[in-house]
Amino acid sequence: MKRWMVLVAVVLIALAIAAPFSPAAGKSKGKAQGKVKFELVGTVKAVAGGVDDGSLTVIVKSGTKTVNALRGKELAMTVDPKAKIRLVTDEGAVDADLADIPLDAKVKVRGRIEKQEGDDAATYIATFIKAKPVAAATAK
């Protein structure tokens, strides 16, 4: 009887320790600390502003379910002043400023969506931008 109780106690302790590390425990379903996240791929239509008040307009090609309704449409977003901006060059990806992103560049953008209470409009805030300029077509 004592062996049975010890065995049950060991199994319960093992389950209690393993539960926080299970794959289902880490899934957040697109939300992080009360904010909804997004990722998208698209083409740059406009770049405006500077380091502190920058904005980026992208024609959305694809992305997460939070931007699926915007496929094929223009999306204007605010760029976080602390956003990481990378520009793909022949030498690899290098750090860049918002002003370095050329028009018609292919971009991958990650960020968060913030909604104000009482307001239906959402504000898209980019926290990571990776831009790849389109190679200029050469005439032969």
N, C-alpha and C. Protein backbone atom coordinates (compact mmCIF):
# COMPACT_ATOMS: atom_id res chain seq x y z
N MET A 1 0.82 -1.20 0.00
CA MET A 1 0.00 0.00 0.00
C MET A 1 0.87 1.27 0.00
N LYS A 2 1.95 1.24 0.77
CA LYS A 2 2.83 2.40 0.83
C LYS A 2 3.51 2.62 -0.51
N ARG A 3 3.91 1.54 -1.18
CA ARG A 3 4.55 1.68 -2.48
C ARG A 3 3.59 2.32 -3.48
N TRP A 4 2.36 1.92 -3.43
CA TRP A 4 1.33 2.46 -4.33
C TRP A 4 1.17 3.97 -4.10
N MET A 5 1.11 4.40 -2.87
CA MET A 5 0.95 5.82 -2.55
C MET A 5 2.19 6.62 -2.97
N VAL A 6 3.38 6.05 -2.79
CA VAL A 6 4.61 6.72 -3.20
C VAL A 6 4.64 6.86 -4.72
N LEU A 7 4.23 5.80 -5.43
CA LEU A 7 4.20 5.84 -6.89
C LEU A 7 3.24 6.90 -7.40
N VAL A 8 2.06 6.99 -6.81
CA VAL A 8 1.08 8.01 -7.20
C VAL A 8 1.61 9.41 -6.92
N ALA A 9 2.27 9.59 -5.79
CA ALA A 9 2.83 10.89 -5.44
C ALA A 9 3.92 11.30 -6.43
N VAL A 10 4.77 10.37 -6.84
CA VAL A 10 5.84 10.67 -7.80
C VAL A 10 5.26 11.05 -9.15
N VAL A 11 4.23 10.33 -9.60
CA VAL A 11 3.59 10.64 -10.88
C VAL A 11 2.94 12.02 -10.84
N LEU A 12 2.26 12.36 -9.76
CA LEU A 12 1.63 13.68 -9.64
C LEU A 12 2.66 14.80 -9.63
N ILE A 13 3.77 14.60 -8.96
CA ILE A 13 4.83 15.61 -8.93
C ILE A 13 5.43 15.78 -10.32
N ALA A 14 5.64 14.66 -11.04
CA ALA A 14 6.20 14.73 -12.38
C ALA A 14 5.26 15.48 -13.32
N LEU A 15 3.97 15.23 -13.21
CA LEU A 15 3.00 15.95 -14.05
C LEU A 15 2.96 17.44 -13.72
N ALA A 16 3.06 17.78 -12.46
CA ALA A 16 3.04 19.19 -12.06
C ALA A 16 4.27 19.93 -12.57
N ILE A 17 5.41 19.25 -12.62
CA ILE A 17 6.63 19.88 -13.10
C ILE A 17 6.61 20.01 -14.62
N ALA A 18 6.10 19.01 -15.32
CA ALA A 18 6.13 18.99 -16.79
C ALA A 18 5.06 19.87 -17.43
N ALA A 19 3.98 20.20 -16.76
CA ALA A 19 2.87 20.96 -17.35
C ALA A 19 3.29 22.32 -17.91
N PRO A 20 4.09 23.13 -17.21
CA PRO A 20 4.46 24.43 -17.79
C PRO A 20 5.33 24.33 -19.04
N PHE A 21 5.96 23.19 -19.28
CA PHE A 21 6.84 23.02 -20.42
C PHE A 21 6.17 22.34 -21.60
N SER A 22 4.89 22.05 -21.49
CA SER A 22 4.19 21.38 -22.59
C SER A 22 4.04 22.35 -23.76
N PRO A 23 3.96 21.86 -25.02
CA PRO A 23 3.84 22.73 -26.19
C PRO A 23 2.61 23.63 -26.16
N ALA A 24 1.52 23.16 -25.58
CA ALA A 24 0.29 23.95 -25.56
C ALA A 24 0.40 25.13 -24.58
N ALA A 25 1.29 25.05 -23.60
CA ALA A 25 1.40 26.11 -22.60
C ALA A 25 1.96 27.40 -23.18
N GLY A 26 2.78 27.35 -24.25
CA GLY A 26 3.42 28.54 -24.78
C GLY A 26 2.66 29.23 -25.89
N LYS A 27 1.54 28.70 -26.33
CA LYS A 27 0.81 29.30 -27.45
C LYS A 27 0.02 30.51 -26.98
N SER A 28 0.16 31.63 -27.72
CA SER A 28 -0.52 32.85 -27.32
C SER A 28 -1.59 33.29 -28.30
N LYS A 29 -1.74 32.58 -29.41
CA LYS A 29 -2.77 32.88 -30.41
C LYS A 29 -2.70 34.32 -30.91
N GLY A 30 -1.48 34.82 -31.16
CA GLY A 30 -1.31 36.13 -31.77
C GLY A 30 -1.39 37.30 -30.81
N LYS A 31 -1.50 37.04 -29.53
CA LYS A 31 -1.59 38.15 -28.58
C LYS A 31 -0.37 38.13 -27.67
N ALA A 32 0.15 39.30 -27.40
CA ALA A 32 1.29 39.42 -26.51
C ALA A 32 1.02 40.58 -25.56
N GLN A 33 0.90 40.28 -24.31
CA GLN A 33 0.69 41.28 -23.27
C GLN A 33 -0.49 42.20 -23.61
N GLY A 34 -1.58 41.61 -24.08
CA GLY A 34 -2.80 42.38 -24.33
C GLY A 34 -2.84 43.08 -25.67
N LYS A 35 -1.80 42.93 -26.47
CA LYS A 35 -1.77 43.57 -27.79
C LYS A 35 -1.76 42.50 -28.86
N VAL A 36 -2.41 42.76 -29.97
CA VAL A 36 -2.47 41.81 -31.07
C VAL A 36 -1.27 42.05 -31.99
N LYS A 37 -0.60 40.96 -32.39
CA LYS A 37 0.56 41.08 -33.26
C LYS A 37 0.16 40.83 -34.71
N PHE A 38 1.00 41.31 -35.64
CA PHE A 38 0.78 41.03 -37.05
C PHE A 38 2.11 40.87 -37.76
N GLU A 39 2.07 40.16 -38.87
CA GLU A 39 3.19 40.04 -39.80
C GLU A 39 2.61 40.16 -41.19
N LEU A 40 3.33 40.84 -42.07
CA LEU A 40 2.86 40.93 -43.44
C LEU A 40 4.03 41.03 -44.40
N VAL A 41 3.73 40.70 -45.66
CA VAL A 41 4.68 40.85 -46.75
C VAL A 41 4.00 41.71 -47.79
N GLY A 42 4.72 42.67 -48.35
CA GLY A 42 4.11 43.54 -49.34
C GLY A 42 5.12 44.39 -50.07
N THR A 43 4.60 45.41 -50.74
CA THR A 43 5.40 46.32 -51.55
C THR A 43 5.24 47.73 -51.00
N VAL A 44 6.37 48.44 -50.86
CA VAL A 44 6.34 49.80 -50.31
C VAL A 44 5.70 50.75 -51.32
N LYS A 45 4.71 51.50 -50.86
CA LYS A 45 4.04 52.50 -51.68
C LYS A 45 4.50 53.91 -51.30
N ALA A 46 4.74 54.15 -50.00
CA ALA A 46 5.17 55.47 -49.54
C ALA A 46 5.93 55.35 -48.22
N VAL A 47 6.90 56.24 -48.05
CA VAL A 47 7.66 56.36 -46.80
C VAL A 47 7.64 57.82 -46.43
N ALA A 48 7.27 58.12 -45.17
CA ALA A 48 7.19 59.51 -44.75
C ALA A 48 7.73 59.66 -43.34
N GLY A 49 8.17 60.87 -43.03
CA GLY A 49 8.58 61.20 -41.68
C GLY A 49 10.02 60.85 -41.39
N GLY A 50 10.36 61.07 -40.13
CA GLY A 50 11.74 60.84 -39.70
C GLY A 50 11.80 59.71 -38.70
N VAL A 51 12.79 59.81 -37.82
CA VAL A 51 13.05 58.75 -36.86
C VAL A 51 11.93 58.65 -35.82
N ASP A 52 11.45 59.79 -35.32
CA ASP A 52 10.46 59.78 -34.24
C ASP A 52 9.01 59.71 -34.72
N ASP A 53 8.74 60.14 -35.93
CA ASP A 53 7.34 60.21 -36.38
C ASP A 53 7.17 59.61 -37.77
N GLY A 54 7.82 58.49 -38.02
CA GLY A 54 7.80 57.89 -39.35
C GLY A 54 6.54 57.10 -39.62
N SER A 55 6.22 56.98 -40.91
CA SER A 55 5.11 56.14 -41.33
C SER A 55 5.49 55.43 -42.62
N LEU A 56 4.84 54.31 -42.83
CA LEU A 56 5.12 53.47 -43.98
C LEU A 56 3.79 53.00 -44.56
N THR A 57 3.64 53.11 -45.87
CA THR A 57 2.44 52.63 -46.53
C THR A 57 2.85 51.46 -47.42
N VAL A 58 2.14 50.33 -47.25
CA VAL A 58 2.48 49.09 -47.93
C VAL A 58 1.24 48.53 -48.61
N ILE A 59 1.41 47.98 -49.82
CA ILE A 59 0.34 47.20 -50.44
C ILE A 59 0.53 45.78 -49.95
N VAL A 60 -0.44 45.27 -49.20
CA VAL A 60 -0.32 43.97 -48.54
C VAL A 60 -0.48 42.84 -49.55
N LYS A 61 0.50 41.95 -49.57
CA LYS A 61 0.43 40.77 -50.44
C LYS A 61 -0.07 39.56 -49.65
N SER A 62 0.48 39.35 -48.46
CA SER A 62 0.05 38.25 -47.60
C SER A 62 0.43 38.57 -46.17
N GLY A 63 -0.05 37.74 -45.25
CA GLY A 63 0.28 37.97 -43.86
C GLY A 63 -0.50 37.08 -42.93
N THR A 64 -0.45 37.41 -41.67
CA THR A 64 -1.17 36.64 -40.66
C THR A 64 -2.66 36.92 -40.76
N LYS A 65 -3.44 36.15 -40.01
CA LYS A 65 -4.89 36.30 -40.09
C LYS A 65 -5.36 37.69 -39.66
N THR A 66 -4.54 38.41 -38.92
CA THR A 66 -4.93 39.75 -38.48
C THR A 66 -4.89 40.77 -39.61
N VAL A 67 -4.23 40.43 -40.74
CA VAL A 67 -4.18 41.34 -41.89
C VAL A 67 -4.75 40.72 -43.17
N ASN A 68 -5.33 39.54 -43.07
CA ASN A 68 -5.87 38.87 -44.26
C ASN A 68 -6.92 39.70 -44.99
N ALA A 69 -7.73 40.44 -44.27
CA ALA A 69 -8.77 41.26 -44.90
C ALA A 69 -8.17 42.41 -45.71
N LEU A 70 -6.91 42.71 -45.52
CA LEU A 70 -6.26 43.84 -46.20
C LEU A 70 -5.45 43.41 -47.43
N ARG A 71 -5.52 42.15 -47.82
CA ARG A 71 -4.74 41.68 -48.98
C ARG A 71 -5.11 42.47 -50.22
N GLY A 72 -4.08 42.97 -50.93
CA GLY A 72 -4.30 43.75 -52.15
C GLY A 72 -4.63 45.21 -51.89
N LYS A 73 -4.72 45.61 -50.64
CA LYS A 73 -5.05 47.00 -50.30
C LYS A 73 -3.85 47.70 -49.69
N GLU A 74 -3.91 49.01 -49.65
CA GLU A 74 -2.86 49.79 -49.01
C GLU A 74 -3.10 49.84 -47.51
N LEU A 75 -2.02 49.70 -46.75
CA LEU A 75 -2.08 49.79 -45.30
C LEU A 75 -1.04 50.81 -44.85
N ALA A 76 -1.52 51.87 -44.21
CA ALA A 76 -0.62 52.88 -43.65
C ALA A 76 -0.36 52.52 -42.19
N MET A 77 0.90 52.51 -41.80
CA MET A 77 1.24 52.17 -40.44
C MET A 77 2.26 53.14 -39.87
N THR A 78 2.24 53.27 -38.57
CA THR A 78 3.21 54.09 -37.86
C THR A 78 4.43 53.22 -37.59
N VAL A 79 5.61 53.79 -37.70
CA VAL A 79 6.84 53.06 -37.42
C VAL A 79 7.32 53.45 -36.02
N ASP A 80 7.45 52.45 -35.17
CA ASP A 80 7.93 52.66 -33.80
C ASP A 80 9.32 53.28 -33.85
N PRO A 81 9.60 54.30 -33.02
CA PRO A 81 10.94 54.91 -33.03
C PRO A 81 12.05 53.91 -32.71
N LYS A 82 11.73 52.83 -32.00
CA LYS A 82 12.72 51.82 -31.65
C LYS A 82 12.68 50.63 -32.62
N ALA A 83 12.01 50.78 -33.74
CA ALA A 83 11.87 49.67 -34.70
C ALA A 83 13.23 49.30 -35.29
N LYS A 84 13.40 48.00 -35.51
CA LYS A 84 14.62 47.52 -36.16
C LYS A 84 14.34 47.50 -37.66
N ILE A 85 15.16 48.22 -38.41
CA ILE A 85 14.98 48.34 -39.86
C ILE A 85 16.22 47.75 -40.53
N ARG A 86 16.01 46.77 -41.41
CA ARG A 86 17.10 46.11 -42.12
C ARG A 86 16.89 46.29 -43.61
N LEU A 87 17.96 46.49 -44.34
CA LEU A 87 17.93 46.65 -45.78
C LEU A 87 18.82 45.57 -46.40
N VAL A 88 18.24 44.77 -47.29
CA VAL A 88 18.99 43.69 -47.93
C VAL A 88 19.80 44.27 -49.08
N THR A 89 21.11 44.04 -49.05
CA THR A 89 22.02 44.51 -50.10
C THR A 89 22.80 43.31 -50.65
N ASP A 90 23.69 43.57 -51.60
CA ASP A 90 24.53 42.50 -52.14
C ASP A 90 25.44 41.89 -51.08
N GLU A 91 25.79 42.66 -50.06
CA GLU A 91 26.67 42.19 -48.99
C GLU A 91 25.89 41.52 -47.86
N GLY A 92 24.56 41.51 -47.93
CA GLY A 92 23.72 40.93 -46.88
C GLY A 92 22.80 41.99 -46.30
N ALA A 93 22.17 41.66 -45.21
CA ALA A 93 21.26 42.60 -44.56
C ALA A 93 22.04 43.54 -43.65
N VAL A 94 21.77 44.84 -43.79
CA VAL A 94 22.45 45.85 -42.98
C VAL A 94 21.42 46.73 -42.29
N ASP A 95 21.81 47.32 -41.17
CA ASP A 95 20.92 48.26 -40.48
C ASP A 95 20.70 49.48 -41.35
N ALA A 96 19.48 50.02 -41.29
CA ALA A 96 19.15 51.18 -42.12
C ALA A 96 18.18 52.08 -41.38
N ASP A 97 17.96 53.26 -41.95
CA ASP A 97 16.96 54.19 -41.45
C ASP A 97 15.70 54.06 -42.31
N LEU A 98 14.61 54.60 -41.82
CA LEU A 98 13.36 54.55 -42.56
C LEU A 98 13.50 55.23 -43.92
N ALA A 99 14.25 56.32 -43.97
CA ALA A 99 14.42 57.06 -45.22
C ALA A 99 15.21 56.27 -46.27
N ASP A 100 15.94 55.24 -45.86
CA ASP A 100 16.72 54.43 -46.79
C ASP A 100 15.88 53.43 -47.57
N ILE A 101 14.64 53.21 -47.16
CA ILE A 101 13.78 52.23 -47.82
C ILE A 101 13.25 52.83 -49.12
N PRO A 102 13.59 52.22 -50.28
CA PRO A 102 13.12 52.77 -51.56
C PRO A 102 11.68 52.37 -51.85
N LEU A 103 11.03 53.16 -52.69
CA LEU A 103 9.68 52.82 -53.14
C LEU A 103 9.73 51.54 -53.96
N ASP A 104 8.66 50.80 -53.97
CA ASP A 104 8.51 49.53 -54.68
C ASP A 104 9.41 48.42 -54.14
N ALA A 105 10.02 48.61 -52.97
CA ALA A 105 10.82 47.55 -52.36
C ALA A 105 9.88 46.50 -51.77
N LYS A 106 10.31 45.26 -51.78
CA LYS A 106 9.57 44.19 -51.13
C LYS A 106 9.91 44.25 -49.65
N VAL A 107 8.88 44.21 -48.79
CA VAL A 107 9.13 44.31 -47.35
C VAL A 107 8.43 43.20 -46.58
N LYS A 108 9.05 42.87 -45.46
CA LYS A 108 8.43 42.00 -44.46
C LYS A 108 8.33 42.87 -43.21
N VAL A 109 7.13 42.99 -42.67
CA VAL A 109 6.90 43.87 -41.53
C VAL A 109 6.28 43.07 -40.39
N ARG A 110 6.80 43.27 -39.19
CA ARG A 110 6.20 42.71 -37.97
C ARG A 110 5.85 43.86 -37.05
N GLY A 111 4.80 43.68 -36.28
CA GLY A 111 4.42 44.74 -35.36
C GLY A 111 3.23 44.37 -34.51
N ARG A 112 2.58 45.40 -33.99
CA ARG A 112 1.42 45.19 -33.12
C ARG A 112 0.28 46.08 -33.57
N ILE A 113 -0.93 45.66 -33.22
CA ILE A 113 -2.13 46.42 -33.55
C ILE A 113 -2.71 46.94 -32.25
N GLU A 114 -2.90 48.24 -32.18
CA GLU A 114 -3.47 48.84 -30.98
C GLU A 114 -4.83 49.44 -31.32
N LYS A 115 -5.81 49.13 -30.49
CA LYS A 115 -7.15 49.69 -30.66
C LYS A 115 -7.46 50.56 -29.45
N GLN A 116 -7.97 51.73 -29.73
CA GLN A 116 -8.37 52.63 -28.66
C GLN A 116 -9.80 52.29 -28.24
N GLU A 117 -10.09 52.39 -26.95
CA GLU A 117 -11.44 52.10 -26.49
C GLU A 117 -12.41 53.11 -27.07
N GLY A 118 -13.54 52.61 -27.57
CA GLY A 118 -14.55 53.48 -28.15
C GLY A 118 -14.28 53.86 -29.59
N ASP A 119 -13.14 53.39 -30.13
CA ASP A 119 -12.79 53.71 -31.51
C ASP A 119 -12.64 52.41 -32.28
N ASP A 120 -13.32 52.31 -33.43
CA ASP A 120 -13.26 51.08 -34.22
C ASP A 120 -11.97 50.97 -35.03
N ALA A 121 -11.34 52.09 -35.33
CA ALA A 121 -10.13 52.08 -36.15
C ALA A 121 -8.95 51.54 -35.35
N ALA A 122 -8.14 50.72 -36.01
CA ALA A 122 -6.95 50.16 -35.38
C ALA A 122 -5.71 50.89 -35.86
N THR A 123 -4.72 51.01 -35.00
CA THR A 123 -3.45 51.61 -35.36
C THR A 123 -2.42 50.50 -35.49
N TYR A 124 -1.83 50.39 -36.67
CA TYR A 124 -0.79 49.40 -36.92
C TYR A 124 0.56 50.05 -36.64
N ILE A 125 1.35 49.41 -35.78
CA ILE A 125 2.65 49.95 -35.39
C ILE A 125 3.72 48.93 -35.77
N ALA A 126 4.62 49.31 -36.68
CA ALA A 126 5.69 48.43 -37.14
C ALA A 126 6.84 48.45 -36.15
N THR A 127 7.29 47.27 -35.74
CA THR A 127 8.43 47.17 -34.83
C THR A 127 9.64 46.53 -35.49
N PHE A 128 9.45 45.90 -36.67
CA PHE A 128 10.54 45.30 -37.43
C PHE A 128 10.22 45.41 -38.91
N ILE A 129 11.18 45.92 -39.69
CA ILE A 129 10.99 46.05 -41.14
C ILE A 129 12.25 45.51 -41.82
N LYS A 130 12.04 44.60 -42.78
CA LYS A 130 13.14 44.10 -43.59
C LYS A 130 12.77 44.40 -45.04
N ALA A 131 13.57 45.24 -45.70
CA ALA A 131 13.27 45.68 -47.06
C ALA A 131 14.29 45.15 -48.04
N LYS A 132 13.78 44.73 -49.19
CA LYS A 132 14.65 44.25 -50.27
C LYS A 132 14.32 45.04 -51.52
N PRO A 133 15.22 45.94 -51.95
CA PRO A 133 14.96 46.74 -53.14
C PRO A 133 14.81 45.85 -54.37
N VAL A 134 13.92 46.26 -55.27
CA VAL A 134 13.72 45.54 -56.52
C VAL A 134 14.89 45.88 -57.44
N ALA A 135 15.49 44.86 -58.02
CA ALA A 135 16.62 45.09 -58.92
C ALA A 135 16.14 45.82 -60.17
N ALA A 136 16.89 46.81 -60.57
CA ALA A 136 16.52 47.59 -61.75
C ALA A 136 16.63 46.73 -63.00
N ALA A 137 15.63 46.79 -63.84
CA ALA A 137 15.64 46.02 -65.07
C ALA A 137 16.62 46.66 -66.03
N THR A 138 17.45 45.84 -66.64
CA THR A 138 18.43 46.36 -67.60
C THR A 138 17.97 46.04 -69.00
N ALA A 139 18.05 47.02 -69.88
CA ALA A 139 17.66 46.82 -71.28
C ALA A 139 18.85 46.31 -72.07
N LYS A 140 18.60 45.35 -72.93
CA LYS A 140 19.68 44.80 -73.74
C LYS A 140 19.66 45.37 -75.13
